[in-house]
Amino acid sequence: MLCPLHLSDLQAELMVAHLAKAALQKTAKALKKVLAALMVVATQLWLRVTRQVKRLREMAMLAAEAAWMAMLAAKAAWITGQVEKQGEQLVDSSQGFQEG
């Protein structure tokens, strides 16, 4: 048989266990709230990063298009120079025919 002293010790341990269980449940609820808040923040950050990446991608495309256009302009200038040279040579050679 258990003596009353042991019974009160068991009751005290049981009370401590119940208090610990309640504290753990409150802690779990608080942690769930913190986790939910962190998920919201993480989602917002992800969306912000996604938008920034999209903007950077658009800027990169614009820069590539600008480089392409600059290359085309350089080619056009070179072709124009070649045409002008050939035109001058034609004029020079036609003057030789007219003098001769």
PDB file of N, CA and C in Angstrom:
ATOM      1  N   MET A   1       0.822  -1.179   0.000  1.00  0.00           N
ATOM      2  CA  MET A   1       0.000   0.000   0.000  1.00  0.00           C
ATOM      3  C   MET A   1       0.868   1.245   0.000  1.00  0.00           C
ATOM      4  N   LEU A   2       0.306   2.274  -0.585  1.00  0.00           N
ATOM      5  CA  LEU A   2       1.014   3.551  -0.626  1.00  0.00           C
ATOM      6  C   LEU A   2       0.656   4.360   0.604  1.00  0.00           C
ATOM      7  N   CYS A   3       1.629   4.951   1.183  1.00  0.00           N
ATOM      8  CA  CYS A   3       1.324   5.818   2.320  1.00  0.00           C
ATOM      9  C   CYS A   3       0.882   7.181   1.806  1.00  0.00           C
ATOM     10  N   PRO A   4       0.208   7.994   2.585  1.00  0.00           N
ATOM     11  CA  PRO A   4      -0.298   9.296   2.137  1.00  0.00           C
ATOM     12  C   PRO A   4       0.807  10.206   1.609  1.00  0.00           C
ATOM     13  N   LEU A   5       1.997  10.075   2.163  1.00  0.00           N
ATOM     14  CA  LEU A   5       3.101  10.920   1.702  1.00  0.00           C
ATOM     15  C   LEU A   5       3.434  10.597   0.255  1.00  0.00           C
ATOM     16  N   HIS A   6       3.492   9.336  -0.084  1.00  0.00           N
ATOM     17  CA  HIS A   6       3.775   8.938  -1.461  1.00  0.00           C
ATOM     18  C   HIS A   6       2.648   9.375  -2.393  1.00  0.00           C
ATOM     19  N   LEU A   7       1.427   9.304  -1.910  1.00  0.00           N
ATOM     20  CA  LEU A   7       0.291   9.700  -2.722  1.00  0.00           C
ATOM     21  C   LEU A   7       0.363  11.185  -3.053  1.00  0.00           C
ATOM     22  N   SER A   8       0.729  12.001  -2.094  1.00  0.00           N
ATOM     23  CA  SER A   8       0.811  13.429  -2.354  1.00  0.00           C
ATOM     24  C   SER A   8       1.991  13.714  -3.293  1.00  0.00           C
ATOM     25  N   ASP A   9       3.065  12.937  -3.185  1.00  0.00           N
ATOM     26  CA  ASP A   9       4.182  13.100  -4.121  1.00  0.00           C
ATOM     27  C   ASP A   9       3.730  12.763  -5.540  1.00  0.00           C
ATOM     28  N   LEU A  10       2.963  11.703  -5.670  1.00  0.00           N
ATOM     29  CA  LEU A  10       2.446  11.324  -6.974  1.00  0.00           C
ATOM     30  C   LEU A  10       1.488  12.384  -7.503  1.00  0.00           C
ATOM     31  N   GLN A  11       0.656  12.907  -6.611  1.00  0.00           N
ATOM     32  CA  GLN A  11      -0.267  13.963  -7.029  1.00  0.00           C
ATOM     33  C   GLN A  11       0.509  15.205  -7.473  1.00  0.00           C
ATOM     34  N   ALA A  12       1.560  15.521  -6.759  1.00  0.00           N
ATOM     35  CA  ALA A  12       2.385  16.684  -7.118  1.00  0.00           C
ATOM     36  C   ALA A  12       3.051  16.453  -8.474  1.00  0.00           C
ATOM     37  N   GLU A  13       3.566  15.258  -8.679  1.00  0.00           N
ATOM     38  CA  GLU A  13       4.194  14.949  -9.970  1.00  0.00           C
ATOM     39  C   GLU A  13       3.174  15.013 -11.101  1.00  0.00           C
ATOM     40  N   LEU A  14       1.968  14.516 -10.811  1.00  0.00           N
ATOM     41  CA  LEU A  14       0.909  14.568 -11.812  1.00  0.00           C
ATOM     42  C   LEU A  14       0.537  16.017 -12.129  1.00  0.00           C
ATOM     43  N   MET A  15       0.474  16.866 -11.109  1.00  0.00           N
ATOM     44  CA  MET A  15       0.155  18.271 -11.317  1.00  0.00           C
ATOM     45  C   MET A  15       1.258  18.951 -12.138  1.00  0.00           C
ATOM     46  N   VAL A  16       2.505  18.638 -11.820  1.00  0.00           N
ATOM     47  CA  VAL A  16       3.626  19.198 -12.580  1.00  0.00           C
ATOM     48  C   VAL A  16       3.567  18.725 -14.028  1.00  0.00           C
ATOM     49  N   ALA A  17       3.223  17.477 -14.230  1.00  0.00           N
ATOM     50  CA  ALA A  17       3.114  16.949 -15.588  1.00  0.00           C
ATOM     51  C   ALA A  17       2.003  17.653 -16.352  1.00  0.00           C
ATOM     52  N   HIS A  18       0.867  17.900 -15.698  1.00  0.00           N
ATOM     53  CA  HIS A  18      -0.229  18.615 -16.356  1.00  0.00           C
ATOM     54  C   HIS A  18       0.176  20.050 -16.696  1.00  0.00           C
ATOM     55  N   LEU A  19       0.877  20.709 -15.746  1.00  0.00           N
ATOM     56  CA  LEU A  19       1.341  22.078 -15.999  1.00  0.00           C
ATOM     57  C   LEU A  19       2.353  22.105 -17.154  1.00  0.00           C
ATOM     58  N   ALA A  20       3.228  21.124 -17.180  1.00  0.00           N
ATOM     59  CA  ALA A  20       4.218  21.052 -18.258  1.00  0.00           C
ATOM     60  C   ALA A  20       3.530  20.809 -19.590  1.00  0.00           C
ATOM     61  N   LYS A  21       2.528  19.951 -19.586  1.00  0.00           N
ATOM     62  CA  LYS A  21       1.775  19.675 -20.813  1.00  0.00           C
ATOM     63  C   LYS A  21       1.090  20.946 -21.306  1.00  0.00           C
ATOM     64  N   ALA A  22       0.460  21.691 -20.392  1.00  0.00           N
ATOM     65  CA  ALA A  22      -0.209  22.943 -20.767  1.00  0.00           C
ATOM     66  C   ALA A  22       0.802  23.949 -21.306  1.00  0.00           C
ATOM     67  N   ALA A  23       1.957  24.042 -20.671  1.00  0.00           N
ATOM     68  CA  ALA A  23       2.995  24.967 -21.133  1.00  0.00           C
ATOM     69  C   ALA A  23       3.495  24.563 -22.518  1.00  0.00           C
ATOM     70  N   LEU A  24       3.677  23.277 -22.741  1.00  0.00           N
ATOM     71  CA  LEU A  24       4.124  22.798 -24.051  1.00  0.00           C
ATOM     72  C   LEU A  24       3.073  23.070 -25.127  1.00  0.00           C
ATOM     73  N   GLN A  25       1.799  22.913 -24.770  1.00  0.00           N
ATOM     74  CA  GLN A  25       0.739  23.195 -25.735  1.00  0.00           C
ATOM     75  C   GLN A  25       0.709  24.676 -26.098  1.00  0.00           C
ATOM     76  N   LYS A  26       0.885  25.560 -25.083  1.00  0.00           N
ATOM     77  CA  LYS A  26       0.930  26.994 -25.357  1.00  0.00           C
ATOM     78  C   LYS A  26       2.151  27.331 -26.217  1.00  0.00           C
ATOM     79  N   THR A  27       3.253  26.706 -25.923  1.00  0.00           N
ATOM     80  CA  THR A  27       4.470  26.937 -26.706  1.00  0.00           C
ATOM     81  C   THR A  27       4.270  26.474 -28.144  1.00  0.00           C
ATOM     82  N   ALA A  28       3.619  25.326 -28.313  1.00  0.00           N
ATOM     83  CA  ALA A  28       3.361  24.819 -29.662  1.00  0.00           C
ATOM     84  C   ALA A  28       2.452  25.775 -30.428  1.00  0.00           C
ATOM     85  N   LYS A  29       1.414  26.319 -29.760  1.00  0.00           N
ATOM     86  CA  LYS A  29       0.531  27.284 -30.425  1.00  0.00           C
ATOM     87  C   LYS A  29       1.311  28.532 -30.824  1.00  0.00           C
ATOM     88  N   ALA A  30       2.142  29.009 -29.910  1.00  0.00           N
ATOM     89  CA  ALA A  30       2.939  30.211 -30.210  1.00  0.00           C
ATOM     90  C   ALA A  30       3.893  29.946 -31.364  1.00  0.00           C
ATOM     91  N   LEU A  31       4.503  28.775 -31.380  1.00  0.00           N
ATOM     92  CA  LEU A  31       5.423  28.428 -32.469  1.00  0.00           C
ATOM     93  C   LEU A  31       4.691  28.307 -33.798  1.00  0.00           C
ATOM     94  N   LYS A  32       3.463  27.795 -33.770  1.00  0.00           N
ATOM     95  CA  LYS A  32       2.672  27.722 -35.000  1.00  0.00           C
ATOM     96  C   LYS A  32       2.377  29.117 -35.529  1.00  0.00           C
ATOM     97  N   LYS A  33       2.075  30.059 -34.629  1.00  0.00           N
ATOM     98  CA  LYS A  33       1.826  31.439 -35.049  1.00  0.00           C
ATOM     99  C   LYS A  33       3.088  32.072 -35.633  1.00  0.00           C
ATOM    100  N   VAL A  34       4.217  31.820 -34.980  1.00  0.00           N
ATOM    101  CA  VAL A  34       5.490  32.345 -35.482  1.00  0.00           C
ATOM    102  C   VAL A  34       5.794  31.748 -36.852  1.00  0.00           C
ATOM    103  N   LEU A  35       5.564  30.456 -36.994  1.00  0.00           N
ATOM    104  CA  LEU A  35       5.799  29.802 -38.282  1.00  0.00           C
ATOM    105  C   LEU A  35       4.901  30.379 -39.367  1.00  0.00           C
ATOM    106  N   ALA A  36       3.638  30.622 -39.036  1.00  0.00           N
ATOM    107  CA  ALA A  36       2.718  31.206 -40.014  1.00  0.00           C
ATOM    108  C   ALA A  36       3.187  32.600 -40.421  1.00  0.00           C
ATOM    109  N   ALA A  37       3.631  33.401 -39.447  1.00  0.00           N
ATOM    110  CA  ALA A  37       4.138  34.742 -39.765  1.00  0.00           C
ATOM    111  C   ALA A  37       5.386  34.653 -40.628  1.00  0.00           C
ATOM    112  N   LEU A  38       6.266  33.717 -40.318  1.00  0.00           N
ATOM    113  CA  LEU A  38       7.475  33.543 -41.118  1.00  0.00           C
ATOM    114  C   LEU A  38       7.144  33.106 -42.537  1.00  0.00           C
ATOM    115  N   MET A  39       6.131  32.277 -42.692  1.00  0.00           N
ATOM    116  CA  MET A  39       5.717  31.858 -44.031  1.00  0.00           C
ATOM    117  C   MET A  39       5.192  33.039 -44.833  1.00  0.00           C
ATOM    118  N   VAL A  40       4.442  33.930 -44.166  1.00  0.00           N
ATOM    119  CA  VAL A  40       3.937  35.119 -44.849  1.00  0.00           C
ATOM    120  C   VAL A  40       5.101  35.990 -45.301  1.00  0.00           C
ATOM    121  N   VAL A  41       6.060  36.212 -44.404  1.00  0.00           N
ATOM    122  CA  VAL A  41       7.231  37.035 -44.740  1.00  0.00           C
ATOM    123  C   VAL A  41       8.032  36.382 -45.860  1.00  0.00           C
ATOM    124  N   ALA A  42       8.222  35.078 -45.774  1.00  0.00           N
ATOM    125  CA  ALA A  42       8.980  34.374 -46.818  1.00  0.00           C
ATOM    126  C   ALA A  42       8.273  34.475 -48.163  1.00  0.00           C
ATOM    127  N   THR A  43       6.958  34.375 -48.156  1.00  0.00           N
ATOM    128  CA  THR A  43       6.198  34.495 -49.402  1.00  0.00           C
ATOM    129  C   THR A  43       6.340  35.895 -49.987  1.00  0.00           C
ATOM    130  N   GLN A  44       6.241  36.910 -49.134  1.00  0.00           N
ATOM    131  CA  GLN A  44       6.394  38.286 -49.602  1.00  0.00           C
ATOM    132  C   GLN A  44       7.785  38.515 -50.181  1.00  0.00           C
ATOM    133  N   LEU A  45       8.798  37.995 -49.501  1.00  0.00           N
ATOM    134  CA  LEU A  45      10.171  38.140 -50.002  1.00  0.00           C
ATOM    135  C   LEU A  45      10.345  37.411 -51.324  1.00  0.00           C
ATOM    136  N   TRP A  46       9.764  36.232 -51.430  1.00  0.00           N
ATOM    137  CA  TRP A  46       9.860  35.471 -52.674  1.00  0.00           C
ATOM    138  C   TRP A  46       9.220  36.237 -53.828  1.00  0.00           C
ATOM    139  N   LEU A  47       8.053  36.821 -53.566  1.00  0.00           N
ATOM    140  CA  LEU A  47       7.377  37.598 -54.604  1.00  0.00           C
ATOM    141  C   LEU A  47       8.200  38.819 -54.990  1.00  0.00           C
ATOM    142  N   ARG A  48       8.798  39.466 -54.015  1.00  0.00           N
ATOM    143  CA  ARG A  48       9.631  40.638 -54.299  1.00  0.00           C
ATOM    144  C   ARG A  48      10.852  40.241 -55.125  1.00  0.00           C
ATOM    145  N   VAL A  49      11.489  39.148 -54.742  1.00  0.00           N
ATOM    146  CA  VAL A  49      12.656  38.669 -55.500  1.00  0.00           C
ATOM    147  C   VAL A  49      12.248  38.289 -56.911  1.00  0.00           C
ATOM    148  N   THR A  50      11.100  37.638 -57.038  1.00  0.00           N
ATOM    149  CA  THR A  50      10.613  37.243 -58.359  1.00  0.00           C
ATOM    150  C   THR A  50      10.390  38.465 -59.240  1.00  0.00           C
ATOM    151  N   ARG A  51       9.787  39.512 -58.656  1.00  0.00           N
ATOM    152  CA  ARG A  51       9.578  40.740 -59.427  1.00  0.00           C
ATOM    153  C   ARG A  51      10.905  41.366 -59.837  1.00  0.00           C
ATOM    154  N   GLN A  52      11.872  41.368 -58.917  1.00  0.00           N
ATOM    155  CA  GLN A  52      13.183  41.952 -59.233  1.00  0.00           C
ATOM    156  C   GLN A  52      13.877  41.157 -60.340  1.00  0.00           C
ATOM    157  N   VAL A  53      13.776  39.840 -60.268  1.00  0.00           N
ATOM    158  CA  VAL A  53      14.387  39.001 -61.307  1.00  0.00           C
ATOM    159  C   VAL A  53      13.725  39.279 -62.657  1.00  0.00           C
ATOM    160  N   LYS A  54      12.414  39.444 -62.640  1.00  0.00           N
ATOM    161  CA  LYS A  54      11.697  39.748 -63.885  1.00  0.00           C
ATOM    162  C   LYS A  54      12.175  41.080 -64.457  1.00  0.00           C
ATOM    163  N   ARG A  55      12.318  42.081 -63.585  1.00  0.00           N
ATOM    164  CA  ARG A  55      12.817  43.383 -64.042  1.00  0.00           C
ATOM    165  C   ARG A  55      14.233  43.266 -64.598  1.00  0.00           C
ATOM    166  N   LEU A  56      15.076  42.528 -63.892  1.00  0.00           N
ATOM    167  CA  LEU A  56      16.452  42.351 -64.364  1.00  0.00           C
ATOM    168  C   LEU A  56      16.480  41.636 -65.714  1.00  0.00           C
ATOM    169  N   ARG A  57      15.607  40.655 -65.869  1.00  0.00           N
ATOM    170  CA  ARG A  57      15.525  39.934 -67.136  1.00  0.00           C
ATOM    171  C   ARG A  57      15.108  40.886 -68.257  1.00  0.00           C
ATOM    172  N   GLU A  58      14.108  41.742 -67.965  1.00  0.00           N
ATOM    173  CA  GLU A  58      13.666  42.716 -68.961  1.00  0.00           C
ATOM    174  C   GLU A  58      14.785  43.695 -69.309  1.00  0.00           C
ATOM    175  N   MET A  59      15.525  44.136 -68.277  1.00  0.00           N
ATOM    176  CA  MET A  59      16.644  45.050 -68.528  1.00  0.00           C
ATOM    177  C   MET A  59      17.718  44.373 -69.375  1.00  0.00           C
ATOM    178  N   ALA A  60      17.977  43.117 -69.098  1.00  0.00           N
ATOM    179  CA  ALA A  60      18.975  42.384 -69.880  1.00  0.00           C
ATOM    180  C   ALA A  60      18.525  42.262 -71.333  1.00  0.00           C
ATOM    181  N   MET A  61      17.243  42.010 -71.541  1.00  0.00           N
ATOM    182  CA  MET A  61      16.724  41.920 -72.911  1.00  0.00           C
ATOM    183  C   MET A  61      16.851  43.260 -73.622  1.00  0.00           C
ATOM    184  N   LEU A  62      16.539  44.352 -72.916  1.00  0.00           N
ATOM    185  CA  LEU A  62      16.673  45.685 -73.514  1.00  0.00           C
ATOM    186  C   LEU A  62      18.134  45.981 -73.851  1.00  0.00           C
ATOM    187  N   ALA A  63      19.040  45.592 -72.960  1.00  0.00           N
ATOM    188  CA  ALA A  63      20.462  45.816 -73.215  1.00  0.00           C
ATOM    189  C   ALA A  63      20.926  44.995 -74.424  1.00  0.00           C
ATOM    190  N   ALA A  64      20.434  43.766 -74.538  1.00  0.00           N
ATOM    191  CA  ALA A  64      20.795  42.938 -75.688  1.00  0.00           C
ATOM    192  C   ALA A  64      20.254  43.547 -76.980  1.00  0.00           C
ATOM    193  N   GLU A  65      19.031  44.055 -76.933  1.00  0.00           N
ATOM    194  CA  GLU A  65      18.465  44.697 -78.120  1.00  0.00           C
ATOM    195  C   GLU A  65      19.255  45.955 -78.482  1.00  0.00           C
ATOM    196  N   ALA A  66      19.659  46.725 -77.471  1.00  0.00           N
ATOM    197  CA  ALA A  66      20.448  47.929 -77.735  1.00  0.00           C
ATOM    198  C   ALA A  66      21.800  47.565 -78.353  1.00  0.00           C
ATOM    199  N   ALA A  67      22.422  46.504 -77.858  1.00  0.00           N
ATOM    200  CA  ALA A  67      23.696  46.060 -78.420  1.00  0.00           C
ATOM    201  C   ALA A  67      23.513  45.592 -79.863  1.00  0.00           C
ATOM    202  N   TRP A  68      22.426  44.884 -80.119  1.00  0.00           N
ATOM    203  CA  TRP A  68      22.130  44.417 -81.478  1.00  0.00           C
ATOM    204  C   TRP A  68      21.949  45.611 -82.417  1.00  0.00           C
ATOM    205  N   MET A  69      21.210  46.610 -81.954  1.00  0.00           N
ATOM    206  CA  MET A  69      20.986  47.797 -82.777  1.00  0.00           C
ATOM    207  C   MET A  69      22.286  48.563 -83.008  1.00  0.00           C
ATOM    208  N   ALA A  70      23.140  48.633 -82.006  1.00  0.00           N
ATOM    209  CA  ALA A  70      24.432  49.307 -82.153  1.00  0.00           C
ATOM    210  C   ALA A  70      25.288  48.568 -83.187  1.00  0.00           C
ATOM    211  N   MET A  71      25.246  47.224 -83.155  1.00  0.00           N
ATOM    212  CA  MET A  71      25.996  46.448 -84.132  1.00  0.00           C
ATOM    213  C   MET A  71      25.448  46.700 -85.540  1.00  0.00           C
ATOM    214  N   LEU A  72      24.125  46.736 -85.674  1.00  0.00           N
ATOM    215  CA  LEU A  72      23.524  47.013 -86.980  1.00  0.00           C
ATOM    216  C   LEU A  72      23.900  48.410 -87.468  1.00  0.00           C
ATOM    217  N   ALA A  73      23.919  49.385 -86.550  1.00  0.00           N
ATOM    218  CA  ALA A  73      24.304  50.745 -86.927  1.00  0.00           C
ATOM    219  C   ALA A  73      25.757  50.784 -87.380  1.00  0.00           C
ATOM    220  N   ALA A  74      26.619  50.041 -86.686  1.00  0.00           N
ATOM    221  CA  ALA A  74      28.033  49.997 -87.075  1.00  0.00           C
ATOM    222  C   ALA A  74      28.179  49.345 -88.455  1.00  0.00           C
ATOM    223  N   LYS A  75      27.436  48.283 -88.706  1.00  0.00           N
ATOM    224  CA  LYS A  75      27.483  47.645 -90.023  1.00  0.00           C
ATOM    225  C   LYS A  75      26.980  48.590 -91.106  1.00  0.00           C
ATOM    226  N   ALA A  76      25.898  49.300 -90.794  1.00  0.00           N
ATOM    227  CA  ALA A  76      25.344  50.249 -91.766  1.00  0.00           C
ATOM    228  C   ALA A  76      26.357  51.353 -92.060  1.00  0.00           C
ATOM    229  N   ALA A  77      27.047  51.829 -91.029  1.00  0.00           N
ATOM    230  CA  ALA A  77      28.058  52.872 -91.234  1.00  0.00           C
ATOM    231  C   ALA A  77      29.204  52.329 -92.085  1.00  0.00           C
ATOM    232  N   TRP A  78      29.621  51.098 -91.826  1.00  0.00           N
ATOM    233  CA  TRP A  78      30.705  50.513 -92.612  1.00  0.00           C
ATOM    234  C   TRP A  78      30.273  50.357 -94.076  1.00  0.00           C
ATOM    235  N   ILE A  79      29.043  49.846 -94.266  1.00  0.00           N
ATOM    236  CA  ILE A  79      28.533  49.671 -95.637  1.00  0.00           C
ATOM    237  C   ILE A  79      28.436  51.023 -96.331  1.00  0.00           C
ATOM    238  N   THR A  80      27.957  52.041 -95.608  1.00  0.00           N
ATOM    239  CA  THR A  80      27.860  53.384 -96.186  1.00  0.00           C
ATOM    240  C   THR A  80      29.240  53.885 -96.600  1.00  0.00           C
ATOM    241  N   GLY A  81      30.228  53.655 -95.762  1.00  0.00           N
ATOM    242  CA  GLY A  81      31.600  54.051 -96.091  1.00  0.00           C
ATOM    243  C   GLY A  81      32.112  53.338 -97.328  1.00  0.00           C
ATOM    244  N   GLN A  82      31.818  52.048 -97.435  1.00  0.00           N
ATOM    245  CA  GLN A  82      32.259  51.284 -98.603  1.00  0.00           C
ATOM    246  C   GLN A  82      31.583  51.803 -99.876  1.00  0.00           C
ATOM    247  N   VAL A  83      30.298  52.098 -99.769  1.00  0.00           N
ATOM    248  CA  VAL A  83      29.561  52.610-100.931  1.00  0.00           C
ATOM    249  C   VAL A  83      30.122  53.967-101.338  1.00  0.00           C
ATOM    250  N   GLU A  84      30.417  54.801-100.360  1.00  0.00           N
ATOM    251  CA  GLU A  84      30.984  56.116-100.676  1.00  0.00           C
ATOM    252  C   GLU A  84      32.340  55.971-101.357  1.00  0.00           C
ATOM    253  N   LYS A  85      33.171  55.051-100.880  1.00  0.00           N
ATOM    254  CA  LYS A  85      34.481  54.819-101.502  1.00  0.00           C
ATOM    255  C   LYS A  85      34.313  54.377-102.953  1.00  0.00           C
ATOM    256  N   GLN A  86      33.405  53.424-103.155  1.00  0.00           N
ATOM    257  CA  GLN A  86      33.184  52.935-104.515  1.00  0.00           C
ATOM    258  C   GLN A  86      32.625  54.047-105.398  1.00  0.00           C
ATOM    259  N   GLY A  87      31.770  54.892-104.829  1.00  0.00           N
ATOM    260  CA  GLY A  87      31.237  56.014-105.596  1.00  0.00           C
ATOM    261  C   GLY A  87      32.343  56.975-105.990  1.00  0.00           C
ATOM    262  N   GLU A  88      33.265  57.244-105.065  1.00  0.00           N
ATOM    263  CA  GLU A  88      34.381  58.142-105.373  1.00  0.00           C
ATOM    264  C   GLU A  88      35.270  57.517-106.449  1.00  0.00           C
ATOM    265  N   GLN A  89      35.516  56.218-106.351  1.00  0.00           N
ATOM    266  CA  GLN A  89      36.344  55.550-107.352  1.00  0.00           C
ATOM    267  C   GLN A  89      35.675  55.602-108.725  1.00  0.00           C
ATOM    268  N   LEU A  90      34.329  55.444-108.736  1.00  0.00           N
ATOM    269  CA  LEU A  90      33.612  55.531-110.009  1.00  0.00           C
ATOM    270  C   LEU A  90      33.731  56.938-110.601  1.00  0.00           C
ATOM    271  N   VAL A  91      33.594  57.935-109.740  1.00  0.00           N
ATOM    272  CA  VAL A  91      33.704  59.315-110.216  1.00  0.00           C
ATOM    273  C   VAL A  91      35.103  59.565-110.751  1.00  0.00           C
ATOM    274  N   ASP A  92      36.113  59.098-109.998  1.00  0.00           N
ATOM    275  CA  ASP A  92      37.495  59.298-110.435  1.00  0.00           C
ATOM    276  C   ASP A  92      37.757  58.584-111.765  1.00  0.00           C
ATOM    277  N   SER A  93      37.279  57.375-111.890  1.00  0.00           N
ATOM    278  CA  SER A  93      37.525  56.630-113.126  1.00  0.00           C
ATOM    279  C   SER A  93      36.731  57.226-114.294  1.00  0.00           C
ATOM    280  N   SER A  94      35.537  57.737-113.998  1.00  0.00           N
ATOM    281  CA  SER A  94      34.762  58.345-115.109  1.00  0.00           C
ATOM    282  C   SER A  94      35.396  59.652-115.544  1.00  0.00           C
ATOM    283  N   GLN A  95      36.056  60.342-114.682  1.00  0.00           N
ATOM    284  CA  GLN A  95      36.755  61.573-115.068  1.00  0.00           C
ATOM    285  C   GLN A  95      37.935  61.233-115.976  1.00  0.00           C
ATOM    286  N   GLY A  96      38.551  60.124-115.727  1.00  0.00           N
ATOM    287  CA  GLY A  96      39.663  59.690-116.598  1.00  0.00           C
ATOM    288  C   GLY A  96      39.157  59.389-117.992  1.00  0.00           C
ATOM    289  N   PHE A  97      37.941  58.811-118.109  1.00  0.00           N
ATOM    290  CA  PHE A  97      37.372  58.530-119.437  1.00  0.00           C
ATOM    291  C   PHE A  97      36.979  59.805-120.147  1.00  0.00           C
ATOM    292  N   GLN A  98      36.497  60.776-119.373  1.00  0.00           N
ATOM    293  CA  GLN A  98      36.071  62.024-119.992  1.00  0.00           C
ATOM    294  C   GLN A  98      37.267  62.820-120.487  1.00  0.00           C
ATOM    295  N   GLU A  99      38.376  62.758-119.780  1.00  0.00           N
ATOM    296  CA  GLU A  99      39.576  63.489-120.189  1.00  0.00           C
ATOM    297  C   GLU A  99      40.239  62.803-121.392  1.00  0.00           C
ATOM    298  N   GLY A 100      40.080  61.512-121.443  1.00  0.00           N
ATOM    299  CA  GLY A 100      40.783  60.767-122.471  1.00  0.00           C
ATOM    300  C   GLY A 100      40.080  60.713-123.746  1.00  0.00           C
TER     301      GLY A 100
END
